[in-house]
C-alpha cells in the first residue's frame, strides 16, 4: 500500500517553524470545524425545543396557561370596575 501525500499551498508558521498542511491535516481540520458547527446547531435546537414547550398550554404549569389565567382575571376585574362606576354615577333617589 502506497501512501499519497498531497501538499497544499497553505503554510503554517509556529515559533519560527514553517510547514505545509497535508491532506490529512486538512481533513482533520474540516472534521473539527464540522463537529463544532454540529454541536452548536444541536444546542440551539435543544434550547428552542425546551423554550417552545413553555409557550404551549399543558393544563396548568406552562407560561401560556398562566397568561390565560391572568387574562381571565383582568376581564373579571374590568367588569367589576364598570359596575362600580355605574353605581357611583347613577343618580340616587331622594337627592336633588
Foldseek 3Di string as FASTA:
>chain_A
DDDDWDFDPDWDADPNDIDTDTPVNVVVVVVVVVVVVVVVVVVVVVVVVVVVVLCDDDPPDHPVNVVVVVVVVVVVVVVVVVVVVCVVPDDDPPDD
